[in-house]
Amino acid sequence: MVDFNTLKSGGLIKQRQKDLFTVRLRCPGGRVPLSKLEKILEVAKKYAGDYVHLSVRQSIELPYVNFHDFKKLNEELLESDQKIASCGRRIRVPTACSGCEYNPNGIMDTQKMAELVNEKFFAHPMPHKFKISFSGCPIDCARTSENDLGFQGAVKPKWVDELCIGCRICASACKEGAIESSPDNGKPIFHPQKCLYCGDCIRSCPTDSWQEERKGWIIRVGGKHGRHPVLGHKIAEFVSDEDIPEFIETIIKWYEKAGKECGNMRIGDVLGIPEQWADFISDLRIKFDGKLLPNPKPPNKNEIHFE
């Protein structure tokens, strides 16, 4: 007897066709080296259908694979170190934008962090599925508010008066109206409450009068897609790369404990319970009080079917 739940937890998804499965591949951050891509094509031609599917979460999927071919398919993929992904109640493959390597908007190195999560946390058992994403800037291509745990790059600017020539370029570059030019000398008037921490002012300034004060990760928790979406909100900002593993570990331990009390619920649904939200924030403040917002908002449902 084939245990379909066990197969699914290993990245093998039953199709409606008898004996056929879709094999989901492990592509952290959506990045696939050419050597792996060549092997995937070779294996797909041999064991799968006449196309591959690019999932909405950056995985390559091979449909129409007969379950009798699983062992051979896996062995051949491993020749190029291409691994199969994971489904079910566990930490999924992290998603990420291109980050700061070549994207001019990128503030933080998303690909480095996606690989860290892939190596350290992938497939860790959880009360429910758990998705992590990384966006390099406030454009937020990886949709950090729609993942169980999302990290978005941010940079806080500071202005150095003596370097400024009053050219007004920064005010033109700021899309949020956080900077306006003084009518007297053209120098910037900064409205920090409107700032998205995108760094456009820093990149556009010809005299380096706008500089980086601090940068790091904005953290959002509790989002999800699906039949009943939940929107995750910001709980911390300017968290360093070095703090991310401990942050994730702390959230994992809390969620494992909460799962014993609340059952197999997504973390966003658990955090929608007021006493669980209060306990979650109190738990994080033990180690990260200086990073957390004073009064972060819990996730909220974003109903799309019964509006």
C-alpha atoms as a PDB file:
ATOM      1  CA  MET A   1       0.000   0.000   0.000  1.00  0.00           C
ATOM      2  CA  VAL A   2       1.418   3.398  -1.051  1.00  0.00           C
ATOM      3  CA  ASP A   3       1.297   6.027   1.714  1.00  0.00           C
ATOM      4  CA  PHE A   4       0.452   9.177  -0.247  1.00  0.00           C
ATOM      5  CA  ASN A   5       0.891  11.474   2.769  1.00  0.00           C
ATOM      6  CA  THR A   6       4.440  10.235   3.275  1.00  0.00           C
ATOM      7  CA  LEU A   7       5.209  10.716  -0.404  1.00  0.00           C
ATOM      8  CA  LYS A   8       3.771  14.246  -0.340  1.00  0.00           C
ATOM      9  CA  SER A   9       5.905  15.165   2.666  1.00  0.00           C
ATOM     10  CA  GLY A  10       8.889  14.223   0.505  1.00  0.00           C
ATOM     11  CA  GLY A  11       7.902  16.501  -2.375  1.00  0.00           C
ATOM     12  CA  LEU A  12       5.982  13.886  -4.397  1.00  0.00           C
ATOM     13  CA  ILE A  13       2.441  15.051  -5.138  1.00  0.00           C
ATOM     14  CA  LYS A  14      -0.264  12.649  -6.326  1.00  0.00           C
ATOM     15  CA  GLN A  15      -1.897  13.586  -9.619  1.00  0.00           C
ATOM     16  CA  ARG A  16      -5.428  12.709 -10.730  1.00  0.00           C
ATOM     17  CA  GLN A  17      -3.943  10.252 -13.214  1.00  0.00           C
ATOM     18  CA  LYS A  18      -3.385   6.731 -11.851  1.00  0.00           C
ATOM     19  CA  ASP A  19       0.194   6.026 -10.627  1.00  0.00           C
ATOM     20  CA  LEU A  20       1.425   9.476 -11.714  1.00  0.00           C
ATOM     21  CA  PHE A  21       2.961  12.127  -9.490  1.00  0.00           C
ATOM     22  CA  THR A  22       4.386  15.641  -9.739  1.00  0.00           C
ATOM     23  CA  VAL A  23       7.897  15.860  -8.311  1.00  0.00           C
ATOM     24  CA  ARG A  24       8.686  19.222  -6.729  1.00  0.00           C
ATOM     25  CA  LEU A  25      12.368  20.198  -6.799  1.00  0.00           C
ATOM     26  CA  ARG A  26      14.258  22.140  -4.179  1.00  0.00           C
ATOM     27  CA  CYS A  27      15.176  25.574  -5.598  1.00  0.00           C
ATOM     28  CA  PRO A  28      15.950  27.899  -2.675  1.00  0.00           C
ATOM     29  CA  GLY A  29      15.521  31.540  -3.571  1.00  0.00           C
ATOM     30  CA  GLY A  30      14.425  30.546  -7.076  1.00  0.00           C
ATOM     31  CA  ARG A  31      18.043  30.206  -8.166  1.00  0.00           C
ATOM     32  CA  VAL A  32      19.041  27.156 -10.242  1.00  0.00           C
ATOM     33  CA  PRO A  33      22.670  26.781 -11.428  1.00  0.00           C
ATOM     34  CA  LEU A  34      23.022  25.846 -15.084  1.00  0.00           C
ATOM     35  CA  SER A  35      24.632  22.504 -14.230  1.00  0.00           C
ATOM     36  CA  LYS A  36      21.528  21.540 -12.260  1.00  0.00           C
ATOM     37  CA  LEU A  37      19.215  22.901 -14.944  1.00  0.00           C
ATOM     38  CA  GLU A  38      20.878  20.706 -17.559  1.00  0.00           C
ATOM     39  CA  LYS A  39      20.442  17.636 -15.363  1.00  0.00           C
ATOM     40  CA  ILE A  40      16.807  18.534 -14.621  1.00  0.00           C
ATOM     41  CA  LEU A  41      16.119  18.718 -18.361  1.00  0.00           C
ATOM     42  CA  GLU A  42      17.830  15.373 -18.944  1.00  0.00           C
ATOM     43  CA  VAL A  43      15.867  13.672 -16.159  1.00  0.00           C
ATOM     44  CA  ALA A  44      12.570  15.320 -17.146  1.00  0.00           C
ATOM     45  CA  LYS A  45      12.893  14.039 -20.706  1.00  0.00           C
ATOM     46  CA  LYS A  46      13.484  10.540 -19.385  1.00  0.00           C
ATOM     47  CA  TYR A  47      10.913  10.248 -16.589  1.00  0.00           C
ATOM     48  CA  ALA A  48       8.403  13.142 -16.766  1.00  0.00           C
ATOM     49  CA  GLY A  49       6.005  14.777 -19.223  1.00  0.00           C
ATOM     50  CA  ASP A  50       6.817  17.111 -22.096  1.00  0.00           C
ATOM     51  CA  TYR A  51       7.107  20.255 -19.959  1.00  0.00           C
ATOM     52  CA  VAL A  52       8.107  21.411 -16.478  1.00  0.00           C
ATOM     53  CA  HIS A  53       5.993  23.663 -14.290  1.00  0.00           C
ATOM     54  CA  LEU A  54       7.380  26.731 -12.510  1.00  0.00           C
ATOM     55  CA  SER A  55       5.433  26.948  -9.268  1.00  0.00           C
ATOM     56  CA  VAL A  56       4.320  30.237  -7.742  1.00  0.00           C
ATOM     57  CA  ARG A  57       6.922  29.629  -5.003  1.00  0.00           C
ATOM     58  CA  GLN A  58       9.914  29.397  -7.360  1.00  0.00           C
ATOM     59  CA  SER A  59      10.157  25.609  -7.497  1.00  0.00           C
ATOM     60  CA  ILE A  60      10.564  23.570 -10.664  1.00  0.00           C
ATOM     61  CA  GLU A  61       8.016  20.761 -10.795  1.00  0.00           C
ATOM     62  CA  LEU A  62       8.204  17.647 -12.970  1.00  0.00           C
ATOM     63  CA  PRO A  63       4.674  16.353 -13.713  1.00  0.00           C
ATOM     64  CA  TYR A  64       3.633  12.919 -14.976  1.00  0.00           C
ATOM     65  CA  VAL A  65       6.282  10.893 -13.140  1.00  0.00           C
ATOM     66  CA  ASN A  66       5.408   7.242 -12.514  1.00  0.00           C
ATOM     67  CA  PHE A  67       5.997   6.281  -8.880  1.00  0.00           C
ATOM     68  CA  HIS A  68       8.015   3.242 -10.026  1.00  0.00           C
ATOM     69  CA  ASP A  69      10.642   5.710 -11.347  1.00  0.00           C
ATOM     70  CA  PHE A  70      11.089   7.705  -8.122  1.00  0.00           C
ATOM     71  CA  LYS A  71      14.293   5.987  -7.028  1.00  0.00           C
ATOM     72  CA  LYS A  72      16.032   6.283 -10.394  1.00  0.00           C
ATOM     73  CA  LEU A  73      14.875   9.872 -10.871  1.00  0.00           C
ATOM     74  CA  ASN A  74      16.183  10.904  -7.459  1.00  0.00           C
ATOM     75  CA  GLU A  75      19.532   9.160  -7.925  1.00  0.00           C
ATOM     76  CA  GLU A  76      20.117  10.852 -11.268  1.00  0.00           C
ATOM     77  CA  LEU A  77      19.156  14.289  -9.968  1.00  0.00           C
ATOM     78  CA  LEU A  78      21.619  13.878  -7.097  1.00  0.00           C
ATOM     79  CA  GLU A  79      24.435  13.487  -9.636  1.00  0.00           C
ATOM     80  CA  SER A  80      24.233  17.284  -9.950  1.00  0.00           C
ATOM     81  CA  ASP A  81      23.271  17.750  -6.268  1.00  0.00           C
ATOM     82  CA  GLN A  82      19.709  18.642  -7.249  1.00  0.00           C
ATOM     83  CA  LYS A  83      17.428  17.665  -4.378  1.00  0.00           C
ATOM     84  CA  ILE A  84      13.702  17.076  -4.148  1.00  0.00           C
ATOM     85  CA  ALA A  85      11.682  19.518  -2.064  1.00  0.00           C
ATOM     86  CA  SER A  86       9.268  18.931   0.784  1.00  0.00           C
ATOM     87  CA  CYS A  87       5.567  19.449   1.396  1.00  0.00           C
ATOM     88  CA  GLY A  88       3.329  18.882   4.393  1.00  0.00           C
ATOM     89  CA  ARG A  89       3.747  20.164   7.954  1.00  0.00           C
ATOM     90  CA  ARG A  90       7.302  21.389   7.825  1.00  0.00           C
ATOM     91  CA  ILE A  91       9.414  24.378   6.852  1.00  0.00           C
ATOM     92  CA  ARG A  92       9.263  24.743   3.086  1.00  0.00           C
ATOM     93  CA  VAL A  93      11.927  25.831   0.634  1.00  0.00           C
ATOM     94  CA  PRO A  94      12.520  29.586   1.162  1.00  0.00           C
ATOM     95  CA  THR A  95      11.641  32.037  -1.593  1.00  0.00           C
ATOM     96  CA  ALA A  96      13.572  35.203  -2.386  1.00  0.00           C
ATOM     97  CA  CYS A  97      14.009  37.974  -4.908  1.00  0.00           C
ATOM     98  CA  SER A  98      17.381  38.578  -6.560  1.00  0.00           C
ATOM     99  CA  GLY A  99      18.479  40.808  -3.672  1.00  0.00           C
ATOM    100  CA  CYS A 100      21.397  43.191  -3.897  1.00  0.00           C
ATOM    101  CA  GLU A 101      23.763  41.190  -6.114  1.00  0.00           C
ATOM    102  CA  TYR A 102      22.690  42.873  -9.359  1.00  0.00           C
ATOM    103  CA  ASN A 103      19.311  44.501  -8.659  1.00  0.00           C
ATOM    104  CA  PRO A 104      19.835  48.273  -8.265  1.00  0.00           C
ATOM    105  CA  ASN A 105      16.970  48.460  -5.752  1.00  0.00           C
ATOM    106  CA  GLY A 106      18.376  45.691  -3.570  1.00  0.00           C
ATOM    107  CA  ILE A 107      19.411  46.616  -0.034  1.00  0.00           C
ATOM    108  CA  MET A 108      20.037  43.224   1.589  1.00  0.00           C
ATOM    109  CA  ASP A 109      21.466  39.925   0.327  1.00  0.00           C
ATOM    110  CA  THR A 110      18.338  37.792   0.012  1.00  0.00           C
ATOM    111  CA  GLN A 111      20.006  34.895  -1.775  1.00  0.00           C
ATOM    112  CA  LYS A 112      22.565  34.431   0.985  1.00  0.00           C
ATOM    113  CA  MET A 113      19.801  34.310   3.580  1.00  0.00           C
ATOM    114  CA  ALA A 114      17.630  31.961   1.526  1.00  0.00           C
ATOM    115  CA  GLU A 115      20.544  29.534   1.339  1.00  0.00           C
ATOM    116  CA  LEU A 116      21.083  29.850   5.094  1.00  0.00           C
ATOM    117  CA  VAL A 117      17.438  28.937   5.744  1.00  0.00           C
ATOM    118  CA  ASN A 118      17.639  26.124   3.201  1.00  0.00           C
ATOM    119  CA  GLU A 119      20.670  24.586   4.904  1.00  0.00           C
ATOM    120  CA  LYS A 120      19.686  25.174   8.527  1.00  0.00           C
ATOM    121  CA  PHE A 121      15.889  24.956   8.702  1.00  0.00           C
ATOM    122  CA  PHE A 122      14.488  23.259   5.592  1.00  0.00           C
ATOM    123  CA  ALA A 123      12.011  20.417   6.297  1.00  0.00           C
ATOM    124  CA  HIS A 124      12.001  21.007  10.060  1.00  0.00           C
ATOM    125  CA  PRO A 125       8.697  19.493  11.354  1.00  0.00           C
ATOM    126  CA  MET A 126       6.100  22.086  12.357  1.00  0.00           C
ATOM    127  CA  PRO A 127       2.452  22.120  13.499  1.00  0.00           C
ATOM    128  CA  HIS A 128       1.509  23.164   9.951  1.00  0.00           C
ATOM    129  CA  LYS A 129       3.216  24.227   6.728  1.00  0.00           C
ATOM    130  CA  PHE A 130       5.617  27.114   7.297  1.00  0.00           C
ATOM    131  CA  LYS A 131       6.780  29.398   4.496  1.00  0.00           C
ATOM    132  CA  ILE A 132       9.652  31.891   4.684  1.00  0.00           C
ATOM    133  CA  SER A 133      10.457  34.617   2.153  1.00  0.00           C
ATOM    134  CA  PHE A 134      13.098  37.297   1.641  1.00  0.00           C
ATOM    135  CA  SER A 135      12.628  40.600  -0.227  1.00  0.00           C
ATOM    136  CA  GLY A 136      15.644  42.823  -0.757  1.00  0.00           C
ATOM    137  CA  CYS A 137      13.795  46.146  -0.586  1.00  0.00           C
ATOM    138  CA  PRO A 138      10.364  47.698   0.139  1.00  0.00           C
ATOM    139  CA  ILE A 139       9.081  46.808  -3.347  1.00  0.00           C
ATOM    140  CA  ASP A 140       8.646  43.445  -1.603  1.00  0.00           C
ATOM    141  CA  CYS A 141       8.581  41.146  -4.636  1.00  0.00           C
ATOM    142  CA  ALA A 142       8.694  38.083  -2.360  1.00  0.00           C
ATOM    143  CA  ARG A 143       5.496  39.200  -0.550  1.00  0.00           C
ATOM    144  CA  THR A 144       6.743  39.112   3.013  1.00  0.00           C
ATOM    145  CA  SER A 145       3.304  40.005   4.395  1.00  0.00           C
ATOM    146  CA  GLU A 146       1.847  36.866   2.778  1.00  0.00           C
ATOM    147  CA  ASN A 147       4.263  34.356   4.289  1.00  0.00           C
ATOM    148  CA  ASP A 148       4.370  32.751   7.717  1.00  0.00           C
ATOM    149  CA  LEU A 149       7.647  34.591   8.241  1.00  0.00           C
ATOM    150  CA  GLY A 150       8.898  37.332   5.937  1.00  0.00           C
ATOM    151  CA  PHE A 151      12.082  39.403   5.847  1.00  0.00           C
ATOM    152  CA  GLN A 152      12.329  42.651   3.872  1.00  0.00           C
ATOM    153  CA  GLY A 153      15.457  44.714   3.392  1.00  0.00           C
ATOM    154  CA  ALA A 154      15.420  48.306   4.644  1.00  0.00           C
ATOM    155  CA  VAL A 155      17.868  51.183   5.032  1.00  0.00           C
ATOM    156  CA  LYS A 156      17.360  54.236   7.252  1.00  0.00           C
ATOM    157  CA  PRO A 157      18.827  57.407   5.712  1.00  0.00           C
ATOM    158  CA  LYS A 158      20.537  60.305   7.417  1.00  0.00           C
ATOM    159  CA  TRP A 159      21.289  63.720   5.926  1.00  0.00           C
ATOM    160  CA  VAL A 160      24.641  65.509   6.239  1.00  0.00           C
ATOM    161  CA  ASP A 161      24.010  69.245   5.849  1.00  0.00           C
ATOM    162  CA  GLU A 162      27.549  70.331   5.040  1.00  0.00           C
ATOM    163  CA  LEU A 163      27.724  68.031   1.996  1.00  0.00           C
ATOM    164  CA  CYS A 164      24.411  69.213   0.527  1.00  0.00           C
ATOM    165  CA  ILE A 165      24.352  71.633  -2.408  1.00  0.00           C
ATOM    166  CA  GLY A 166      20.563  72.014  -2.506  1.00  0.00           C
ATOM    167  CA  CYS A 167      20.169  70.354  -5.913  1.00  0.00           C
ATOM    168  CA  ARG A 168      16.663  69.033  -5.122  1.00  0.00           C
ATOM    169  CA  ILE A 169      17.370  65.647  -6.729  1.00  0.00           C
ATOM    170  CA  CYS A 170      16.525  63.697  -3.574  1.00  0.00           C
ATOM    171  CA  ALA A 171      13.060  65.248  -3.358  1.00  0.00           C
ATOM    172  CA  SER A 172      12.403  64.241  -6.958  1.00  0.00           C
ATOM    173  CA  ALA A 173      13.700  60.714  -6.321  1.00  0.00           C
ATOM    174  CA  CYS A 174      11.529  60.114  -3.245  1.00  0.00           C
ATOM    175  CA  LYS A 175       8.265  58.506  -4.384  1.00  0.00           C
ATOM    176  CA  GLU A 176       6.668  58.724  -0.939  1.00  0.00           C
ATOM    177  CA  GLY A 177       6.798  62.465  -0.335  1.00  0.00           C
ATOM    178  CA  ALA A 178       9.143  61.929   2.597  1.00  0.00           C
ATOM    179  CA  ILE A 179      11.497  64.609   1.252  1.00  0.00           C
ATOM    180  CA  GLU A 180      10.566  68.058   0.009  1.00  0.00           C
ATOM    181  CA  SER A 181      12.874  70.851  -1.039  1.00  0.00           C
ATOM    182  CA  SER A 182      13.161  74.058   0.913  1.00  0.00           C
ATOM    183  CA  PRO A 183      11.894  76.974  -1.204  1.00  0.00           C
ATOM    184  CA  ASP A 184      14.722  79.112   0.182  1.00  0.00           C
ATOM    185  CA  ASN A 185      17.842  77.039  -0.558  1.00  0.00           C
ATOM    186  CA  GLY A 186      16.660  73.764  -2.093  1.00  0.00           C
ATOM    187  CA  LYS A 187      17.889  71.686   0.818  1.00  0.00           C
ATOM    188  CA  PRO A 188      15.740  68.756   1.915  1.00  0.00           C
ATOM    189  CA  ILE A 189      13.008  68.828   4.534  1.00  0.00           C
ATOM    190  CA  PHE A 190      12.656  65.245   5.750  1.00  0.00           C
ATOM    191  CA  HIS A 191       9.388  63.687   6.943  1.00  0.00           C
ATOM    192  CA  PRO A 192      10.531  60.405   8.545  1.00  0.00           C
ATOM    193  CA  GLN A 193       6.985  59.152   9.183  1.00  0.00           C
ATOM    194  CA  LYS A 194       6.559  58.808   5.392  1.00  0.00           C
ATOM    195  CA  CYS A 195       9.871  57.040   4.770  1.00  0.00           C
ATOM    196  CA  LEU A 196       9.752  53.427   3.492  1.00  0.00           C
ATOM    197  CA  TYR A 197      13.501  52.910   4.031  1.00  0.00           C
ATOM    198  CA  CYS A 198      14.025  52.242   0.307  1.00  0.00           C
ATOM    199  CA  GLY A 199      17.316  54.155  -0.047  1.00  0.00           C
ATOM    200  CA  ASP A 200      16.339  56.021  -3.227  1.00  0.00           C
ATOM    201  CA  CYS A 201      17.564  59.268  -1.693  1.00  0.00           C
ATOM    202  CA  ILE A 202      20.959  57.724  -0.899  1.00  0.00           C
ATOM    203  CA  ARG A 203      21.385  56.306  -4.404  1.00  0.00           C
ATOM    204  CA  SER A 204      20.321  59.517  -6.133  1.00  0.00           C
ATOM    205  CA  CYS A 205      22.382  62.039  -4.141  1.00  0.00           C
ATOM    206  CA  PRO A 206      25.344  63.303  -6.221  1.00  0.00           C
ATOM    207  CA  THR A 207      27.288  64.612  -3.197  1.00  0.00           C
ATOM    208  CA  ASP A 208      26.675  61.791  -0.687  1.00  0.00           C
ATOM    209  CA  SER A 209      24.819  64.113   1.663  1.00  0.00           C
ATOM    210  CA  TRP A 210      22.246  61.331   2.104  1.00  0.00           C
ATOM    211  CA  GLN A 211      23.966  58.403   3.771  1.00  0.00           C
ATOM    212  CA  GLU A 212      23.137  55.095   5.391  1.00  0.00           C
ATOM    213  CA  GLU A 213      22.416  55.410   9.112  1.00  0.00           C
ATOM    214  CA  ARG A 214      21.482  51.747   9.576  1.00  0.00           C
ATOM    215  CA  LYS A 215      20.142  48.884   7.535  1.00  0.00           C
ATOM    216  CA  GLY A 216      18.800  45.421   8.131  1.00  0.00           C
ATOM    217  CA  TRP A 217      15.671  43.319   7.921  1.00  0.00           C
ATOM    218  CA  ILE A 218      12.091  44.302   8.599  1.00  0.00           C
ATOM    219  CA  ILE A 219      10.343  41.176   9.919  1.00  0.00           C
ATOM    220  CA  ARG A 220       6.705  40.300   9.302  1.00  0.00           C
ATOM    221  CA  VAL A 221       4.977  37.272  10.751  1.00  0.00           C
ATOM    222  CA  GLY A 222       1.732  35.355  10.314  1.00  0.00           C
ATOM    223  CA  GLY A 223       0.804  35.871   6.675  1.00  0.00           C
ATOM    224  CA  LYS A 224      -0.567  33.207   4.367  1.00  0.00           C
ATOM    225  CA  HIS A 225      -2.250  32.689   0.987  1.00  0.00           C
ATOM    226  CA  GLY A 226      -5.037  30.198   0.417  1.00  0.00           C
ATOM    227  CA  ARG A 227      -8.782  30.068   0.748  1.00  0.00           C
ATOM    228  CA  HIS A 228      -8.746  32.470   3.692  1.00  0.00           C
ATOM    229  CA  PRO A 229      -5.673  34.719   3.462  1.00  0.00           C
ATOM    230  CA  VAL A 230      -4.082  36.373   6.459  1.00  0.00           C
ATOM    231  CA  LEU A 231      -1.947  39.515   6.291  1.00  0.00           C
ATOM    232  CA  GLY A 232       1.175  39.555   8.438  1.00  0.00           C
ATOM    233  CA  HIS A 233       2.402  42.824   9.937  1.00  0.00           C
ATOM    234  CA  LYS A 234       5.772  44.236  10.873  1.00  0.00           C
ATOM    235  CA  ILE A 235       7.017  43.194  14.301  1.00  0.00           C
ATOM    236  CA  ALA A 236      10.684  44.254  14.128  1.00  0.00           C
ATOM    237  CA  GLU A 237      13.006  46.358  12.013  1.00  0.00           C
ATOM    238  CA  PHE A 238      16.702  46.675  11.180  1.00  0.00           C
ATOM    239  CA  VAL A 239      17.504  43.163  12.351  1.00  0.00           C
ATOM    240  CA  SER A 240      20.986  42.090  11.237  1.00  0.00           C
ATOM    241  CA  ASP A 241      21.902  39.032   9.167  1.00  0.00           C
ATOM    242  CA  GLU A 242      23.621  37.605  12.212  1.00  0.00           C
ATOM    243  CA  ASP A 243      20.441  37.760  14.300  1.00  0.00           C
ATOM    244  CA  ILE A 244      18.197  36.044  11.752  1.00  0.00           C
ATOM    245  CA  PRO A 245      19.002  32.394  12.667  1.00  0.00           C
ATOM    246  CA  GLU A 246      18.267  32.980  16.351  1.00  0.00           C
ATOM    247  CA  PHE A 247      15.117  34.918  15.458  1.00  0.00           C
ATOM    248  CA  ILE A 248      13.862  31.996  13.369  1.00  0.00           C
ATOM    249  CA  GLU A 249      14.817  29.456  16.041  1.00  0.00           C
ATOM    250  CA  THR A 250      12.927  31.424  18.696  1.00  0.00           C
ATOM    251  CA  ILE A 251       9.793  31.588  16.539  1.00  0.00           C
ATOM    252  CA  ILE A 252      10.036  27.870  15.706  1.00  0.00           C
ATOM    253  CA  LYS A 253      10.213  26.919  19.391  1.00  0.00           C
ATOM    254  CA  TRP A 254       7.301  29.162  20.277  1.00  0.00           C
ATOM    255  CA  TYR A 255       5.174  27.813  17.398  1.00  0.00           C
ATOM    256  CA  GLU A 256       5.945  24.213  18.366  1.00  0.00           C
ATOM    257  CA  LYS A 257       4.746  24.968  21.898  1.00  0.00           C
ATOM    258  CA  ALA A 258       1.646  26.783  20.661  1.00  0.00           C
ATOM    259  CA  GLY A 259       0.855  23.920  18.302  1.00  0.00           C
ATOM    260  CA  LYS A 260       0.491  21.565  21.261  1.00  0.00           C
ATOM    261  CA  GLU A 261      -2.133  23.901  22.692  1.00  0.00           C
ATOM    262  CA  CYS A 262      -3.950  25.003  19.540  1.00  0.00           C
ATOM    263  CA  GLY A 263      -3.553  22.013  17.215  1.00  0.00           C
ATOM    264  CA  ASN A 264      -2.512  22.006  13.578  1.00  0.00           C
ATOM    265  CA  MET A 265      -3.125  25.655  12.754  1.00  0.00           C
ATOM    266  CA  ARG A 266      -1.050  28.020  10.627  1.00  0.00           C
ATOM    267  CA  ILE A 267       0.931  30.406  12.775  1.00  0.00           C
ATOM    268  CA  GLY A 268      -1.085  33.387  11.515  1.00  0.00           C
ATOM    269  CA  ASP A 269      -4.302  31.801  12.738  1.00  0.00           C
ATOM    270  CA  VAL A 270      -2.700  31.015  16.094  1.00  0.00           C
ATOM    271  CA  LEU A 271      -1.474  34.596  16.429  1.00  0.00           C
ATOM    272  CA  GLY A 272      -4.999  35.819  15.740  1.00  0.00           C
ATOM    273  CA  ILE A 273      -5.907  34.543  19.212  1.00  0.00           C
ATOM    274  CA  PRO A 274      -5.273  37.536  21.543  1.00  0.00           C
ATOM    275  CA  GLU A 275      -3.667  35.579  24.397  1.00  0.00           C
ATOM    276  CA  GLN A 276      -1.392  33.718  21.969  1.00  0.00           C
ATOM    277  CA  TRP A 277      -0.306  36.992  20.361  1.00  0.00           C
ATOM    278  CA  ALA A 278       0.516  38.473  23.758  1.00  0.00           C
ATOM    279  CA  ASP A 279       2.510  35.366  24.713  1.00  0.00           C
ATOM    280  CA  PHE A 280       4.356  35.403  21.361  1.00  0.00           C
ATOM    281  CA  ILE A 281       5.481  39.020  21.713  1.00  0.00           C
ATOM    282  CA  SER A 282       6.465  38.507  25.346  1.00  0.00           C
ATOM    283  CA  ASP A 283       8.556  35.500  24.335  1.00  0.00           C
ATOM    284  CA  LEU A 284      10.370  37.450  21.599  1.00  0.00           C
ATOM    285  CA  ARG A 285      11.064  40.389  23.894  1.00  0.00           C
ATOM    286  CA  ILE A 286      13.232  38.171  26.104  1.00  0.00           C
ATOM    287  CA  LYS A 287      15.957  38.136  23.434  1.00  0.00           C
ATOM    288  CA  PHE A 288      15.000  40.836  20.953  1.00  0.00           C
ATOM    289  CA  ASP A 289      13.390  43.632  22.935  1.00  0.00           C
ATOM    290  CA  GLY A 290      15.578  46.284  21.315  1.00  0.00           C
ATOM    291  CA  LYS A 291      14.581  45.123  17.831  1.00  0.00           C
ATOM    292  CA  LEU A 292      10.813  44.745  18.282  1.00  0.00           C
ATOM    293  CA  LEU A 293       8.361  47.561  17.651  1.00  0.00           C
ATOM    294  CA  PRO A 294       6.781  49.025  20.797  1.00  0.00           C
ATOM    295  CA  ASN A 295       3.251  47.893  19.871  1.00  0.00           C
ATOM    296  CA  PRO A 296       3.306  45.544  16.871  1.00  0.00           C
ATOM    297  CA  LYS A 297      -0.030  44.570  15.321  1.00  0.00           C
ATOM    298  CA  PRO A 298      -1.113  40.920  15.124  1.00  0.00           C
ATOM    299  CA  PRO A 299      -1.911  39.353  11.735  1.00  0.00           C
ATOM    300  CA  ASN A 300      -5.386  40.041  10.417  1.00  0.00           C
ATOM    301  CA  LYS A 301      -7.624  38.095   8.079  1.00  0.00           C
ATOM    302  CA  ASN A 302      -7.909  39.387   4.521  1.00  0.00           C
ATOM    303  CA  GLU A 303     -11.098  37.670   3.417  1.00  0.00           C
ATOM    304  CA  ILE A 304     -11.548  37.443  -0.357  1.00  0.00           C
ATOM    305  CA  HIS A 305     -14.540  35.096  -0.696  1.00  0.00           C
ATOM    306  CA  PHE A 306     -17.117  36.598   1.658  1.00  0.00           C
ATOM    307  CA  GLU A 307     -16.515  40.313   1.351  1.00  0.00           C
END
